Amino acid sequence: MSQLVPPPPALVALGWDSMRSEEWSAVAPPGAAPGRVVRCERTVFNVALERGEETLPLAPAMHRDPALRPTTGDWVVVAGG
């Protein structure tokens, strides 16, 4: 039986819980970090991470297909965590 990772304290206030931790541990790539989108603009989005808020560029595929773009409130995988 695998042990769950405790929820990151900085993300708990944004809705992260043990269920999210369980989902994350099943799919997270090595070195990635979970984040919650707090603002979206045309070419960048602001993400709340355990270490604080960052402005990140959209991935190239998201420019080509708007359906792939995150929206405010979405949980995202941030490469290079």
C-alpha atoms as a PDB file:
ATOM      1  CA  MET A   1       0.000   0.000   0.000  1.00  0.00           C
ATOM      2  CA  SER A   2       1.485   3.379  -1.016  1.00  0.00           C
ATOM      3  CA  GLN A   3       1.700   6.230   1.421  1.00  0.00           C
ATOM      4  CA  LEU A   4       0.003   9.503   0.477  1.00  0.00           C
ATOM      5  CA  VAL A   5       2.036  12.670   0.350  1.00  0.00           C
ATOM      6  CA  PRO A   6       0.570  15.339   2.671  1.00  0.00           C
ATOM      7  CA  PRO A   7      -1.086  18.270   0.895  1.00  0.00           C
ATOM      8  CA  PRO A   8       1.261  21.213   0.223  1.00  0.00           C
ATOM      9  CA  PRO A   9       0.303  23.781   2.921  1.00  0.00           C
ATOM     10  CA  ALA A  10       0.439  26.768   0.558  1.00  0.00           C
ATOM     11  CA  LEU A  11      -2.068  25.083  -1.788  1.00  0.00           C
ATOM     12  CA  VAL A  12      -4.549  23.886   0.852  1.00  0.00           C
ATOM     13  CA  ALA A  13      -6.156  27.346   0.977  1.00  0.00           C
ATOM     14  CA  LEU A  14      -6.735  27.048  -2.780  1.00  0.00           C
ATOM     15  CA  GLY A  15      -8.545  23.717  -2.502  1.00  0.00           C
ATOM     16  CA  TRP A  16      -5.716  21.171  -2.510  1.00  0.00           C
ATOM     17  CA  ASP A  17      -6.570  18.186  -0.336  1.00  0.00           C
ATOM     18  CA  SER A  18      -5.600  14.572   0.227  1.00  0.00           C
ATOM     19  CA  MET A  19      -7.706  13.482  -2.755  1.00  0.00           C
ATOM     20  CA  ARG A  20      -5.703  15.834  -5.017  1.00  0.00           C
ATOM     21  CA  SER A  21      -2.480  14.472  -3.486  1.00  0.00           C
ATOM     22  CA  GLU A  22      -3.568  10.932  -4.321  1.00  0.00           C
ATOM     23  CA  GLU A  23      -4.424  11.908  -7.910  1.00  0.00           C
ATOM     24  CA  TRP A  24      -1.140  13.808  -8.234  1.00  0.00           C
ATOM     25  CA  SER A  25       0.975  10.919  -6.998  1.00  0.00           C
ATOM     26  CA  ALA A  26      -0.600   8.692  -9.654  1.00  0.00           C
ATOM     27  CA  VAL A  27       0.118  10.979 -12.639  1.00  0.00           C
ATOM     28  CA  ALA A  28       2.822  13.522 -11.767  1.00  0.00           C
ATOM     29  CA  PRO A  29       5.946  13.406 -13.892  1.00  0.00           C
ATOM     30  CA  PRO A  30       9.279  13.601 -12.044  1.00  0.00           C
ATOM     31  CA  GLY A  31      10.321  17.154 -11.218  1.00  0.00           C
ATOM     32  CA  ALA A  32       6.881  18.674 -11.873  1.00  0.00           C
ATOM     33  CA  ALA A  33       4.862  20.753  -9.422  1.00  0.00           C
ATOM     34  CA  PRO A  34       1.109  21.192  -9.003  1.00  0.00           C
ATOM     35  CA  GLY A  35      -0.291  24.662  -9.415  1.00  0.00           C
ATOM     36  CA  ARG A  36      -3.655  26.425  -9.510  1.00  0.00           C
ATOM     37  CA  VAL A  37      -4.388  28.959 -12.217  1.00  0.00           C
ATOM     38  CA  VAL A  38      -5.331  32.293 -10.633  1.00  0.00           C
ATOM     39  CA  ARG A  39      -5.347  34.508 -13.741  1.00  0.00           C
ATOM     40  CA  CYS A  40      -5.295  34.025 -17.503  1.00  0.00           C
ATOM     41  CA  GLU A  41      -4.175  36.392 -20.225  1.00  0.00           C
ATOM     42  CA  ARG A  42      -3.619  35.934 -23.948  1.00  0.00           C
ATOM     43  CA  THR A  43      -0.121  34.511 -23.860  1.00  0.00           C
ATOM     44  CA  VAL A  44       0.586  33.903 -20.161  1.00  0.00           C
ATOM     45  CA  PHE A  45      -1.156  32.726 -17.036  1.00  0.00           C
ATOM     46  CA  ASN A  46      -0.524  33.231 -13.334  1.00  0.00           C
ATOM     47  CA  VAL A  47      -0.197  30.068 -11.298  1.00  0.00           C
ATOM     48  CA  ALA A  48      -0.167  29.675  -7.514  1.00  0.00           C
ATOM     49  CA  LEU A  49       2.516  27.155  -6.605  1.00  0.00           C
ATOM     50  CA  GLU A  50       3.727  25.886  -3.254  1.00  0.00           C
ATOM     51  CA  ARG A  51       6.634  28.357  -3.503  1.00  0.00           C
ATOM     52  CA  GLY A  52       4.421  31.329  -4.483  1.00  0.00           C
ATOM     53  CA  GLU A  53       2.711  32.810  -7.513  1.00  0.00           C
ATOM     54  CA  GLU A  54       4.437  32.839 -10.906  1.00  0.00           C
ATOM     55  CA  THR A  55       3.596  34.132 -14.367  1.00  0.00           C
ATOM     56  CA  LEU A  56       4.192  31.387 -16.911  1.00  0.00           C
ATOM     57  CA  PRO A  57       3.976  31.317 -20.713  1.00  0.00           C
ATOM     58  CA  LEU A  58       1.415  29.168 -22.448  1.00  0.00           C
ATOM     59  CA  ALA A  59       2.807  26.046 -24.089  1.00  0.00           C
ATOM     60  CA  PRO A  60       2.974  26.293 -27.910  1.00  0.00           C
ATOM     61  CA  ALA A  61       0.156  23.758 -28.343  1.00  0.00           C
ATOM     62  CA  MET A  62      -2.117  26.009 -26.275  1.00  0.00           C
ATOM     63  CA  HIS A  63      -1.609  28.869 -28.745  1.00  0.00           C
ATOM     64  CA  ARG A  64      -2.765  26.644 -31.596  1.00  0.00           C
ATOM     65  CA  ASP A  65      -5.732  25.078 -29.801  1.00  0.00           C
ATOM     66  CA  PRO A  66      -7.675  27.308 -27.393  1.00  0.00           C
ATOM     67  CA  ALA A  67      -9.458  24.241 -25.998  1.00  0.00           C
ATOM     68  CA  LEU A  68      -6.149  23.227 -24.366  1.00  0.00           C
ATOM     69  CA  ARG A  69      -5.708  26.533 -22.524  1.00  0.00           C
ATOM     70  CA  PRO A  70      -6.192  26.471 -18.768  1.00  0.00           C
ATOM     71  CA  THR A  71      -8.738  28.732 -17.162  1.00  0.00           C
ATOM     72  CA  THR A  72      -8.886  30.341 -13.742  1.00  0.00           C
ATOM     73  CA  GLY A  73      -9.362  27.665 -11.094  1.00  0.00           C
ATOM     74  CA  ASP A  74      -7.816  24.812 -13.067  1.00  0.00           C
ATOM     75  CA  TRP A  75      -5.107  22.643 -11.491  1.00  0.00           C
ATOM     76  CA  VAL A  76      -2.090  22.382 -13.791  1.00  0.00           C
ATOM     77  CA  VAL A  77       1.185  20.482 -14.004  1.00  0.00           C
ATOM     78  CA  VAL A  78       4.166  22.847 -14.035  1.00  0.00           C
ATOM     79  CA  ALA A  79       7.222  21.265 -15.624  1.00  0.00           C
ATOM     80  CA  GLY A  80      10.463  21.791 -13.788  1.00  0.00           C
ATOM     81  CA  GLY A  81       8.450  22.379 -10.608  1.00  0.00           C
END
